[in-house]
Amino acid sequence: MKKTLTINLACMVYNIDEDAYIKLKTYLKNIESYFSDEKEINDIMNDIETRISELLTEKITSHKQVVTLQDIEEIIITMGEPHEFGDPDKEEKRKSFSSHPPKRIYRDPDNRVLGGVCGGLGAYMGIDGLIIRIVFVIIFFLFGVGLLIYLILWIIIPEARTTAQKLEMRGDPVNVSNIGSFVKDEFENVKNSFKGKKS
């Protein structure tokens, strides 16, 4: 019989084996110490915890209600260890163990004019969102249905709100290294746009 604890991770409550809890706590402390010099450490850690929470939720079923050590070890393989960041051989090894997430269609809130549909489709297809916008305008003027199609897509395509969703939209693996890089890049973009408005 194992001791089970209850934890709150990214506003989700999980029952977890004690040994799995110790492993997860150690893993999160290692990541936090790796990013300790970064100004945006809180954002990075929140996004990493949110992604771990998403992965844990996938492992919980009606027949399996407790997070096990094996679950945490699989998540660590997927997310990557801090000492692996920047090492191409270890990154490649982790990619072979972990499943590369398929690209998903989301509306892109960072590249939008109206609802982010064209930006999201552009990110999904790997082309500039401007090209998609031009296609919608052409369809609108030639066939008169471009606006209707856009509105339908706006309703049915979810917005990429989390860092994990934004990475999935671009087809990037959702791991600690990519989350950290993405948050740092967003922080720099906000800082640069703020400087641009100030001057």
N, C-alpha and C. Protein backbone atom coordinates (compact mmCIF):
# COMPACT_ATOMS: atom_id res chain seq x y z
N MET A 1 0.85 -1.17 0.00
CA MET A 1 0.00 0.00 0.00
C MET A 1 0.90 1.24 0.00
N LYS A 2 0.56 2.21 -0.88
CA LYS A 2 1.36 3.42 -1.01
C LYS A 2 0.62 4.61 -0.42
N LYS A 3 1.41 5.56 0.08
CA LYS A 3 0.84 6.79 0.60
C LYS A 3 0.51 7.70 -0.58
N THR A 4 -0.66 8.31 -0.55
CA THR A 4 -1.10 9.19 -1.63
C THR A 4 -1.29 10.60 -1.10
N LEU A 5 -0.86 11.58 -1.88
CA LEU A 5 -1.00 12.99 -1.51
C LEU A 5 -1.93 13.68 -2.50
N THR A 6 -2.45 14.81 -2.11
CA THR A 6 -3.25 15.63 -3.00
C THR A 6 -2.47 16.91 -3.28
N ILE A 7 -2.30 17.23 -4.57
CA ILE A 7 -1.56 18.43 -4.95
C ILE A 7 -2.42 19.31 -5.85
N ASN A 8 -2.06 20.59 -5.88
CA ASN A 8 -2.71 21.55 -6.77
C ASN A 8 -1.64 22.02 -7.74
N LEU A 9 -1.85 21.71 -9.01
CA LEU A 9 -0.88 22.08 -10.04
C LEU A 9 -1.63 22.83 -11.14
N ALA A 10 -1.30 24.09 -11.33
CA ALA A 10 -1.96 24.93 -12.34
C ALA A 10 -3.47 24.93 -12.15
N CYS A 11 -3.89 25.08 -10.89
CA CYS A 11 -5.31 25.17 -10.51
C CYS A 11 -6.08 23.87 -10.76
N MET A 12 -5.37 22.77 -10.89
CA MET A 12 -6.00 21.45 -11.01
C MET A 12 -5.54 20.60 -9.83
N VAL A 13 -6.46 19.81 -9.28
CA VAL A 13 -6.14 18.99 -8.12
C VAL A 13 -5.90 17.55 -8.59
N TYR A 14 -4.80 16.96 -8.11
CA TYR A 14 -4.44 15.59 -8.48
C TYR A 14 -4.11 14.79 -7.23
N ASN A 15 -4.47 13.51 -7.26
CA ASN A 15 -4.00 12.55 -6.27
C ASN A 15 -2.73 11.93 -6.84
N ILE A 16 -1.69 11.91 -6.03
CA ILE A 16 -0.38 11.48 -6.54
C ILE A 16 0.31 10.61 -5.50
N ASP A 17 0.97 9.54 -5.97
CA ASP A 17 1.77 8.70 -5.08
C ASP A 17 2.89 9.54 -4.47
N GLU A 18 3.31 9.17 -3.25
CA GLU A 18 4.34 9.94 -2.57
C GLU A 18 5.65 9.96 -3.35
N ASP A 19 6.05 8.81 -3.91
CA ASP A 19 7.31 8.79 -4.66
C ASP A 19 7.21 9.61 -5.95
N ALA A 20 6.03 9.62 -6.58
CA ALA A 20 5.82 10.45 -7.77
C ALA A 20 5.87 11.93 -7.39
N TYR A 21 5.30 12.26 -6.24
CA TYR A 21 5.31 13.65 -5.76
C TYR A 21 6.74 14.13 -5.54
N ILE A 22 7.55 13.30 -4.90
CA ILE A 22 8.95 13.68 -4.63
C ILE A 22 9.70 13.91 -5.95
N LYS A 23 9.48 13.02 -6.91
CA LYS A 23 10.14 13.14 -8.22
C LYS A 23 9.69 14.42 -8.93
N LEU A 24 8.38 14.71 -8.91
CA LEU A 24 7.86 15.92 -9.56
C LEU A 24 8.38 17.18 -8.88
N LYS A 25 8.40 17.17 -7.55
CA LYS A 25 8.88 18.34 -6.80
C LYS A 25 10.36 18.60 -7.11
N THR A 26 11.17 17.56 -7.15
CA THR A 26 12.59 17.69 -7.47
C THR A 26 12.77 18.22 -8.89
N TYR A 27 11.97 17.68 -9.82
CA TYR A 27 12.04 18.11 -11.22
C TYR A 27 11.73 19.59 -11.35
N LEU A 28 10.66 20.04 -10.70
CA LEU A 28 10.27 21.45 -10.77
C LEU A 28 11.33 22.36 -10.12
N LYS A 29 11.94 21.89 -9.03
CA LYS A 29 13.00 22.69 -8.39
C LYS A 29 14.22 22.80 -9.31
N ASN A 30 14.56 21.71 -10.01
CA ASN A 30 15.69 21.74 -10.96
C ASN A 30 15.42 22.73 -12.09
N ILE A 31 14.20 22.73 -12.59
CA ILE A 31 13.85 23.66 -13.67
C ILE A 31 13.91 25.09 -13.15
N GLU A 32 13.37 25.31 -11.95
CA GLU A 32 13.37 26.65 -11.38
C GLU A 32 14.80 27.16 -11.17
N SER A 33 15.69 26.29 -10.72
CA SER A 33 17.08 26.73 -10.52
C SER A 33 17.77 26.99 -11.86
N TYR A 34 17.37 26.26 -12.91
CA TYR A 34 17.94 26.47 -14.24
C TYR A 34 17.57 27.86 -14.77
N PHE A 35 16.31 28.26 -14.55
CA PHE A 35 15.83 29.55 -15.04
C PHE A 35 15.92 30.67 -13.99
N SER A 36 16.64 30.44 -12.91
CA SER A 36 16.64 31.39 -11.79
C SER A 36 17.16 32.77 -12.15
N ASP A 37 18.01 32.88 -13.17
CA ASP A 37 18.56 34.18 -13.56
C ASP A 37 17.62 34.97 -14.49
N GLU A 38 16.56 34.33 -14.94
CA GLU A 38 15.66 34.98 -15.91
C GLU A 38 14.67 35.88 -15.19
N LYS A 39 14.39 37.04 -15.79
CA LYS A 39 13.42 37.98 -15.21
C LYS A 39 12.01 37.42 -15.25
N GLU A 40 11.73 36.63 -16.27
CA GLU A 40 10.38 36.12 -16.47
C GLU A 40 10.19 34.71 -15.91
N ILE A 41 10.93 34.38 -14.84
CA ILE A 41 10.89 33.02 -14.27
C ILE A 41 9.48 32.62 -13.84
N ASN A 42 8.70 33.55 -13.27
CA ASN A 42 7.35 33.19 -12.83
C ASN A 42 6.47 32.77 -13.99
N ASP A 43 6.57 33.50 -15.11
CA ASP A 43 5.79 33.14 -16.30
C ASP A 43 6.24 31.79 -16.86
N ILE A 44 7.55 31.58 -16.90
CA ILE A 44 8.08 30.31 -17.40
C ILE A 44 7.58 29.16 -16.54
N MET A 45 7.70 29.29 -15.23
CA MET A 45 7.29 28.22 -14.33
C MET A 45 5.77 27.97 -14.42
N ASN A 46 4.98 29.05 -14.52
CA ASN A 46 3.52 28.88 -14.66
C ASN A 46 3.19 28.11 -15.93
N ASP A 47 3.86 28.44 -17.04
CA ASP A 47 3.59 27.75 -18.29
C ASP A 47 4.04 26.29 -18.24
N ILE A 48 5.16 26.03 -17.59
CA ILE A 48 5.64 24.65 -17.47
C ILE A 48 4.67 23.84 -16.60
N GLU A 49 4.23 24.42 -15.48
CA GLU A 49 3.27 23.72 -14.62
C GLU A 49 1.95 23.48 -15.35
N THR A 50 1.53 24.44 -16.15
CA THR A 50 0.29 24.26 -16.92
C THR A 50 0.44 23.11 -17.91
N ARG A 51 1.59 23.03 -18.57
CA ARG A 51 1.81 21.93 -19.53
C ARG A 51 1.87 20.59 -18.81
N ILE A 52 2.54 20.52 -17.67
CA ILE A 52 2.59 19.27 -16.90
C ILE A 52 1.19 18.88 -16.48
N SER A 53 0.39 19.86 -16.07
CA SER A 53 -0.99 19.60 -15.67
C SER A 53 -1.80 19.03 -16.84
N GLU A 54 -1.60 19.58 -18.04
CA GLU A 54 -2.29 19.06 -19.23
C GLU A 54 -1.90 17.59 -19.48
N LEU A 55 -0.61 17.30 -19.34
CA LEU A 55 -0.14 15.93 -19.56
C LEU A 55 -0.68 14.98 -18.49
N LEU A 56 -0.74 15.45 -17.24
CA LEU A 56 -1.29 14.61 -16.17
C LEU A 56 -2.78 14.34 -16.40
N THR A 57 -3.50 15.34 -16.86
CA THR A 57 -4.93 15.16 -17.11
C THR A 57 -5.16 14.09 -18.16
N GLU A 58 -4.29 14.00 -19.15
CA GLU A 58 -4.41 12.97 -20.18
C GLU A 58 -4.20 11.56 -19.59
N LYS A 59 -3.45 11.47 -18.51
CA LYS A 59 -3.15 10.17 -17.92
C LYS A 59 -4.22 9.70 -16.93
N ILE A 60 -5.07 10.61 -16.47
CA ILE A 60 -6.12 10.26 -15.52
C ILE A 60 -7.33 9.74 -16.28
N THR A 61 -7.82 8.59 -15.88
CA THR A 61 -9.02 8.01 -16.51
C THR A 61 -9.98 7.61 -15.40
N SER A 62 -11.13 7.09 -15.79
CA SER A 62 -12.11 6.64 -14.79
C SER A 62 -11.58 5.43 -14.01
N HIS A 63 -10.65 4.68 -14.61
CA HIS A 63 -10.07 3.50 -13.94
C HIS A 63 -8.76 3.81 -13.23
N LYS A 64 -8.18 4.96 -13.53
CA LYS A 64 -6.88 5.32 -12.94
C LYS A 64 -6.96 6.76 -12.44
N GLN A 65 -7.08 6.92 -11.14
CA GLN A 65 -7.29 8.24 -10.55
C GLN A 65 -6.05 8.81 -9.86
N VAL A 66 -4.99 8.02 -9.76
CA VAL A 66 -3.80 8.45 -9.02
C VAL A 66 -2.61 8.54 -9.97
N VAL A 67 -1.87 9.64 -9.87
CA VAL A 67 -0.66 9.83 -10.67
C VAL A 67 0.45 8.97 -10.07
N THR A 68 1.11 8.19 -10.91
CA THR A 68 2.15 7.28 -10.44
C THR A 68 3.54 7.80 -10.82
N LEU A 69 4.55 7.16 -10.28
CA LEU A 69 5.93 7.49 -10.60
C LEU A 69 6.19 7.32 -12.09
N GLN A 70 5.64 6.28 -12.68
CA GLN A 70 5.82 6.05 -14.11
C GLN A 70 5.24 7.21 -14.93
N ASP A 71 4.09 7.75 -14.51
CA ASP A 71 3.50 8.90 -15.20
C ASP A 71 4.45 10.08 -15.18
N ILE A 72 5.03 10.35 -14.00
CA ILE A 72 5.95 11.49 -13.87
C ILE A 72 7.20 11.27 -14.69
N GLU A 73 7.72 10.05 -14.70
CA GLU A 73 8.92 9.76 -15.50
C GLU A 73 8.65 9.95 -16.99
N GLU A 74 7.47 9.55 -17.46
CA GLU A 74 7.11 9.75 -18.86
C GLU A 74 6.99 11.24 -19.20
N ILE A 75 6.43 12.00 -18.27
CA ILE A 75 6.30 13.45 -18.49
C ILE A 75 7.68 14.10 -18.54
N ILE A 76 8.59 13.66 -17.68
CA ILE A 76 9.95 14.22 -17.67
C ILE A 76 10.66 13.91 -18.98
N ILE A 77 10.45 12.70 -19.51
CA ILE A 77 11.04 12.36 -20.81
C ILE A 77 10.48 13.28 -21.89
N THR A 78 9.17 13.53 -21.84
CA THR A 78 8.53 14.40 -22.83
C THR A 78 9.00 15.84 -22.71
N MET A 79 9.05 16.35 -21.48
CA MET A 79 9.39 17.75 -21.25
C MET A 79 10.89 18.03 -21.32
N GLY A 80 11.70 17.08 -20.92
CA GLY A 80 13.15 17.25 -20.93
C GLY A 80 13.70 17.71 -19.59
N GLU A 81 14.93 17.31 -19.32
CA GLU A 81 15.63 17.71 -18.10
C GLU A 81 16.39 19.01 -18.37
N PRO A 82 16.56 19.85 -17.35
CA PRO A 82 17.27 21.12 -17.55
C PRO A 82 18.69 20.95 -18.10
N HIS A 83 19.41 19.91 -17.67
CA HIS A 83 20.79 19.75 -18.15
C HIS A 83 20.85 19.35 -19.63
N GLU A 84 19.70 18.99 -20.23
CA GLU A 84 19.67 18.62 -21.65
C GLU A 84 19.50 19.83 -22.56
N PHE A 85 19.11 20.98 -22.02
CA PHE A 85 18.81 22.13 -22.86
C PHE A 85 20.07 22.58 -23.58
N GLY A 86 19.95 22.75 -24.87
CA GLY A 86 21.07 23.21 -25.67
C GLY A 86 21.98 22.10 -26.15
N ASP A 87 21.79 20.86 -25.68
CA ASP A 87 22.61 19.74 -26.13
C ASP A 87 21.85 19.03 -27.26
N PRO A 88 22.29 19.18 -28.52
CA PRO A 88 21.53 18.63 -29.65
C PRO A 88 21.35 17.11 -29.58
N ASP A 89 22.37 16.37 -29.09
CA ASP A 89 22.26 14.91 -29.02
C ASP A 89 21.17 14.49 -28.04
N LYS A 90 21.14 15.12 -26.88
CA LYS A 90 20.14 14.78 -25.87
C LYS A 90 18.75 15.24 -26.29
N GLU A 91 18.67 16.39 -26.98
CA GLU A 91 17.38 16.87 -27.50
C GLU A 91 16.84 15.85 -28.51
N GLU A 92 17.72 15.35 -29.38
CA GLU A 92 17.30 14.39 -30.41
C GLU A 92 16.86 13.07 -29.78
N LYS A 93 17.58 12.64 -28.75
CA LYS A 93 17.22 11.40 -28.05
C LYS A 93 15.85 11.54 -27.40
N ARG A 94 15.59 12.70 -26.77
CA ARG A 94 14.30 12.91 -26.12
C ARG A 94 13.18 12.94 -27.15
N LYS A 95 13.44 13.55 -28.30
CA LYS A 95 12.41 13.61 -29.35
C LYS A 95 12.05 12.22 -29.84
N SER A 96 13.04 11.30 -29.87
CA SER A 96 12.74 9.95 -30.33
C SER A 96 11.90 9.19 -29.32
N PHE A 97 12.05 9.50 -28.02
CA PHE A 97 11.24 8.86 -26.98
C PHE A 97 9.85 9.48 -26.89
N SER A 98 9.79 10.79 -26.99
CA SER A 98 8.52 11.48 -26.80
C SER A 98 7.82 11.67 -28.13
N SER A 99 6.53 11.72 -28.08
CA SER A 99 5.77 11.91 -29.31
C SER A 99 5.80 13.38 -29.70
N HIS A 100 6.07 13.62 -30.96
CA HIS A 100 6.05 14.99 -31.47
C HIS A 100 4.58 15.35 -31.66
N PRO A 101 4.13 16.41 -31.00
CA PRO A 101 2.70 16.71 -31.09
C PRO A 101 2.34 17.14 -32.50
N PRO A 102 1.17 16.72 -32.97
CA PRO A 102 0.75 17.17 -34.29
C PRO A 102 0.42 18.66 -34.24
N LYS A 103 0.57 19.31 -35.37
CA LYS A 103 0.17 20.72 -35.43
C LYS A 103 -1.33 20.78 -35.20
N ARG A 104 -1.75 21.81 -34.49
CA ARG A 104 -3.17 22.01 -34.25
C ARG A 104 -3.55 23.40 -34.73
N ILE A 105 -4.78 23.50 -35.18
CA ILE A 105 -5.26 24.80 -35.65
C ILE A 105 -5.83 25.57 -34.47
N TYR A 106 -5.31 26.76 -34.27
CA TYR A 106 -5.81 27.69 -33.27
C TYR A 106 -5.88 29.07 -33.92
N ARG A 107 -6.67 29.95 -33.34
CA ARG A 107 -6.62 31.35 -33.74
C ARG A 107 -5.42 31.97 -33.04
N ASP A 108 -4.66 32.77 -33.77
CA ASP A 108 -3.43 33.35 -33.23
C ASP A 108 -3.70 34.75 -32.67
N PRO A 109 -3.72 34.89 -31.34
CA PRO A 109 -4.00 36.21 -30.75
C PRO A 109 -2.85 37.20 -30.92
N ASP A 110 -1.65 36.69 -31.21
CA ASP A 110 -0.48 37.55 -31.36
C ASP A 110 -0.34 38.10 -32.78
N ASN A 111 -1.07 37.51 -33.72
CA ASN A 111 -0.95 37.91 -35.12
C ASN A 111 -2.36 38.04 -35.70
N ARG A 112 -3.11 38.98 -35.13
CA ARG A 112 -4.49 39.10 -35.60
C ARG A 112 -4.82 40.52 -36.01
N VAL A 113 -5.76 40.58 -36.92
CA VAL A 113 -6.35 41.85 -37.31
C VAL A 113 -7.76 41.92 -36.72
N LEU A 114 -8.51 40.83 -36.86
CA LEU A 114 -9.84 40.73 -36.25
C LEU A 114 -9.84 39.64 -35.18
N GLY A 115 -9.99 38.40 -35.63
CA GLY A 115 -10.11 37.30 -34.67
C GLY A 115 -8.92 36.39 -34.59
N GLY A 116 -7.92 36.59 -35.43
CA GLY A 116 -6.73 35.75 -35.42
C GLY A 116 -6.84 34.50 -36.27
N VAL A 117 -7.93 34.39 -37.06
CA VAL A 117 -8.14 33.19 -37.88
C VAL A 117 -7.03 33.08 -38.93
N CYS A 118 -6.78 34.15 -39.66
CA CYS A 118 -5.78 34.11 -40.74
C CYS A 118 -4.37 33.88 -40.17
N GLY A 119 -4.06 34.55 -39.05
CA GLY A 119 -2.76 34.33 -38.41
C GLY A 119 -2.59 32.89 -37.98
N GLY A 120 -3.64 32.30 -37.40
CA GLY A 120 -3.59 30.91 -36.96
C GLY A 120 -3.46 29.94 -38.12
N LEU A 121 -4.23 30.18 -39.19
CA LEU A 121 -4.12 29.31 -40.37
C LEU A 121 -2.74 29.43 -41.01
N GLY A 122 -2.20 30.66 -41.01
CA GLY A 122 -0.86 30.86 -41.55
C GLY A 122 0.19 30.12 -40.75
N ALA A 123 0.09 30.19 -39.41
CA ALA A 123 1.05 29.46 -38.55
C ALA A 123 0.91 27.97 -38.76
N TYR A 124 -0.32 27.48 -38.90
CA TYR A 124 -0.55 26.05 -39.09
C TYR A 124 0.04 25.57 -40.42
N MET A 125 -0.13 26.39 -41.47
CA MET A 125 0.35 26.00 -42.80
C MET A 125 1.81 26.38 -43.03
N GLY A 126 2.38 27.16 -42.11
CA GLY A 126 3.77 27.56 -42.24
C GLY A 126 3.98 28.67 -43.27
N ILE A 127 2.94 29.50 -43.47
CA ILE A 127 3.06 30.62 -44.39
C ILE A 127 2.64 31.91 -43.67
N ASP A 128 2.90 33.03 -44.29
CA ASP A 128 2.56 34.32 -43.68
C ASP A 128 1.04 34.48 -43.62
N GLY A 129 0.54 34.96 -42.50
CA GLY A 129 -0.89 35.18 -42.33
C GLY A 129 -1.44 36.18 -43.32
N LEU A 130 -0.58 37.09 -43.83
CA LEU A 130 -1.02 38.08 -44.82
C LEU A 130 -1.52 37.40 -46.10
N ILE A 131 -0.88 36.31 -46.49
CA ILE A 131 -1.31 35.57 -47.68
C ILE A 131 -2.72 35.02 -47.48
N ILE A 132 -2.98 34.48 -46.29
CA ILE A 132 -4.31 33.96 -45.98
C ILE A 132 -5.33 35.09 -46.01
N ARG A 133 -4.97 36.25 -45.47
CA ARG A 133 -5.88 37.40 -45.48
C ARG A 133 -6.23 37.80 -46.92
N ILE A 134 -5.22 37.81 -47.77
CA ILE A 134 -5.45 38.18 -49.18
C ILE A 134 -6.40 37.17 -49.83
N VAL A 135 -6.21 35.88 -49.55
CA VAL A 135 -7.08 34.84 -50.10
C VAL A 135 -8.52 35.07 -49.64
N PHE A 136 -8.72 35.39 -48.36
CA PHE A 136 -10.07 35.65 -47.86
C PHE A 136 -10.70 36.85 -48.55
N VAL A 137 -9.92 37.90 -48.79
CA VAL A 137 -10.44 39.09 -49.47
C VAL A 137 -10.83 38.74 -50.91
N ILE A 138 -9.99 37.96 -51.59
CA ILE A 138 -10.30 37.55 -52.97
C ILE A 138 -11.57 36.71 -53.00
N ILE A 139 -11.68 35.75 -52.08
CA ILE A 139 -12.89 34.91 -52.01
C ILE A 139 -14.12 35.77 -51.73
N PHE A 140 -13.94 36.77 -50.89
CA PHE A 140 -15.07 37.65 -50.57
C PHE A 140 -15.54 38.41 -51.81
N PHE A 141 -14.60 39.00 -52.55
CA PHE A 141 -14.99 39.80 -53.72
C PHE A 141 -15.42 38.95 -54.92
N LEU A 142 -14.83 37.76 -55.08
CA LEU A 142 -15.21 36.92 -56.22
C LEU A 142 -16.49 36.14 -55.97
N PHE A 143 -16.61 35.58 -54.78
CA PHE A 143 -17.75 34.69 -54.52
C PHE A 143 -18.71 35.21 -53.46
N GLY A 144 -18.28 36.21 -52.71
CA GLY A 144 -19.15 36.81 -51.70
C GLY A 144 -19.30 35.99 -50.43
N VAL A 145 -18.48 34.93 -50.27
CA VAL A 145 -18.63 34.09 -49.07
C VAL A 145 -17.42 34.15 -48.15
N GLY A 146 -16.42 34.94 -48.50
CA GLY A 146 -15.19 35.01 -47.69
C GLY A 146 -15.47 35.42 -46.26
N LEU A 147 -16.33 36.42 -46.08
CA LEU A 147 -16.65 36.89 -44.73
C LEU A 147 -17.40 35.82 -43.94
N LEU A 148 -18.34 35.13 -44.61
CA LEU A 148 -19.10 34.07 -43.93
C LEU A 148 -18.17 32.93 -43.49
N ILE A 149 -17.26 32.53 -44.37
CA ILE A 149 -16.30 31.47 -44.02
C ILE A 149 -15.44 31.92 -42.84
N TYR A 150 -14.99 33.18 -42.90
CA TYR A 150 -14.15 33.71 -41.82
C TYR A 150 -14.90 33.67 -40.48
N LEU A 151 -16.16 34.12 -40.49
CA LEU A 151 -16.94 34.13 -39.25
C LEU A 151 -17.18 32.72 -38.70
N ILE A 152 -17.43 31.78 -39.59
CA ILE A 152 -17.61 30.38 -39.15
C ILE A 152 -16.33 29.86 -38.52
N LEU A 153 -15.19 30.12 -39.18
CA LEU A 153 -13.90 29.68 -38.63
C LEU A 153 -13.61 30.36 -37.30
N TRP A 154 -13.98 31.62 -37.17
CA TRP A 154 -13.78 32.36 -35.93
C TRP A 154 -14.54 31.69 -34.79
N ILE A 155 -15.72 31.18 -35.10
CA ILE A 155 -16.55 30.53 -34.08
C ILE A 155 -16.01 29.14 -33.71
N ILE A 156 -15.59 28.36 -34.71
CA ILE A 156 -15.24 26.95 -34.42
C ILE A 156 -13.78 26.73 -34.05
N ILE A 157 -12.88 27.65 -34.42
CA ILE A 157 -11.46 27.46 -34.09
C ILE A 157 -11.17 28.13 -32.75
N PRO A 158 -10.64 27.36 -31.79
CA PRO A 158 -10.33 27.97 -30.48
C PRO A 158 -9.11 28.87 -30.57
N GLU A 159 -9.04 29.83 -29.65
CA GLU A 159 -7.90 30.74 -29.59
C GLU A 159 -6.76 30.07 -28.83
N ALA A 160 -5.53 30.28 -29.30
CA ALA A 160 -4.34 29.77 -28.61
C ALA A 160 -4.07 30.67 -27.42
N ARG A 161 -4.44 30.22 -26.23
CA ARG A 161 -4.28 31.06 -25.03
C ARG A 161 -3.01 30.72 -24.27
N THR A 162 -2.67 29.45 -24.17
CA THR A 162 -1.50 29.06 -23.39
C THR A 162 -0.27 28.97 -24.28
N THR A 163 0.88 28.97 -23.64
CA THR A 163 2.13 28.81 -24.37
C THR A 163 2.15 27.48 -25.10
N ALA A 164 1.65 26.42 -24.45
CA ALA A 164 1.63 25.10 -25.09
C ALA A 164 0.79 25.13 -26.36
N GLN A 165 -0.35 25.78 -26.32
CA GLN A 165 -1.20 25.87 -27.51
C GLN A 165 -0.52 26.65 -28.62
N LYS A 166 0.20 27.71 -28.25
CA LYS A 166 0.90 28.51 -29.26
C LYS A 166 2.04 27.70 -29.89
N LEU A 167 2.70 26.87 -29.10
CA LEU A 167 3.75 26.01 -29.65
C LEU A 167 3.14 24.93 -30.54
N GLU A 168 2.02 24.34 -30.11
CA GLU A 168 1.34 23.32 -30.93
C GLU A 168 0.88 23.91 -32.26
N MET A 169 0.42 25.15 -32.23
CA MET A 169 -0.04 25.82 -33.44
C MET A 169 1.09 25.92 -34.47
N ARG A 170 2.30 26.11 -33.98
CA ARG A 170 3.45 26.23 -34.88
C ARG A 170 4.10 24.87 -35.17
N GLY A 171 3.64 23.82 -34.48
CA GLY A 171 4.20 22.48 -34.70
C GLY A 171 5.49 22.23 -33.93
N ASP A 172 5.77 23.06 -32.92
CA ASP A 172 6.97 22.87 -32.10
C ASP A 172 6.67 21.93 -30.95
N PRO A 173 7.65 21.11 -30.55
CA PRO A 173 7.43 20.25 -29.38
C PRO A 173 7.20 21.09 -28.12
N VAL A 174 6.26 20.66 -27.29
CA VAL A 174 5.95 21.40 -26.07
C VAL A 174 6.80 20.81 -24.96
N ASN A 175 8.01 21.35 -24.81
CA ASN A 175 8.92 20.88 -23.76
C ASN A 175 9.45 22.10 -23.00
N VAL A 176 10.19 21.84 -21.95
CA VAL A 176 10.66 22.91 -21.08
C VAL A 176 11.53 23.91 -21.84
N SER A 177 12.40 23.42 -22.69
CA SER A 177 13.30 24.29 -23.44
C SER A 177 12.51 25.25 -24.33
N ASN A 178 11.55 24.73 -25.08
CA ASN A 178 10.75 25.56 -25.98
C ASN A 178 9.85 26.53 -25.22
N ILE A 179 9.29 26.08 -24.10
CA ILE A 179 8.45 26.96 -23.29
C ILE A 179 9.28 28.13 -22.77
N GLY A 180 10.48 27.82 -22.23
CA GLY A 180 11.36 28.87 -21.73
C GLY A 180 11.74 29.86 -22.82
N SER A 181 12.11 29.36 -23.99
CA SER A 181 12.49 30.23 -25.11
C SER A 181 11.32 31.09 -25.56
N PHE A 182 10.13 30.48 -25.63
CA PHE A 182 8.94 31.20 -26.10
C PHE A 182 8.59 32.33 -25.14
N VAL A 183 8.61 32.04 -23.84
CA VAL A 183 8.27 33.09 -22.86
C VAL A 183 9.29 34.21 -22.90
N LYS A 184 10.59 33.87 -23.03
CA LYS A 184 11.62 34.91 -23.11
C LYS A 184 11.44 35.77 -24.36
N ASP A 185 11.12 35.12 -25.50
CA ASP A 185 10.90 35.87 -26.73
C ASP A 185 9.70 36.80 -26.60
N GLU A 186 8.61 36.30 -26.01
CA GLU A 186 7.43 37.15 -25.82
C GLU A 186 7.74 38.33 -24.91
N PHE A 187 8.52 38.07 -23.85
CA PHE A 187 8.91 39.13 -22.92
C PHE A 187 9.71 40.20 -23.65
N GLU A 188 10.65 39.77 -24.50
CA GLU A 188 11.47 40.71 -25.27
C GLU A 188 10.62 41.50 -26.26
N ASN A 189 9.65 40.82 -26.91
CA ASN A 189 8.78 41.51 -27.87
C ASN A 189 7.95 42.59 -27.19
N VAL A 190 7.41 42.26 -26.01
CA VAL A 190 6.62 43.25 -25.27
C VAL A 190 7.50 44.42 -24.85
N LYS A 191 8.71 44.10 -24.37
CA LYS A 191 9.63 45.15 -23.93
C LYS A 191 10.02 46.05 -25.10
N ASN A 192 10.30 45.45 -26.26
CA ASN A 192 10.67 46.24 -27.44
C ASN A 192 9.52 47.09 -27.95
N SER A 193 8.29 46.53 -27.93
CA SER A 193 7.15 47.31 -28.41
C SER A 193 6.86 48.46 -27.43
N PHE A 194 7.09 48.23 -26.13
CA PHE A 194 6.89 49.28 -25.15
C PHE A 194 7.90 50.40 -25.35
N LYS A 195 9.17 50.02 -25.64
CA LYS A 195 10.20 51.03 -25.93
C LYS A 195 9.87 51.82 -27.19
N GLY A 196 9.32 51.11 -28.21
CA GLY A 196 8.96 51.76 -29.46
C GLY A 196 7.86 52.77 -29.27
N LYS A 197 6.89 52.47 -28.42
CA LYS A 197 5.78 53.40 -28.17
C LYS A 197 6.26 54.59 -27.34
N LYS A 198 7.23 54.35 -26.47
CA LYS A 198 7.72 55.41 -25.59
C LYS A 198 8.50 56.47 -26.35
N SER A 199 9.25 56.02 -27.37
CA SER A 199 10.11 56.96 -28.11
C SER A 199 9.37 57.67 -29.23
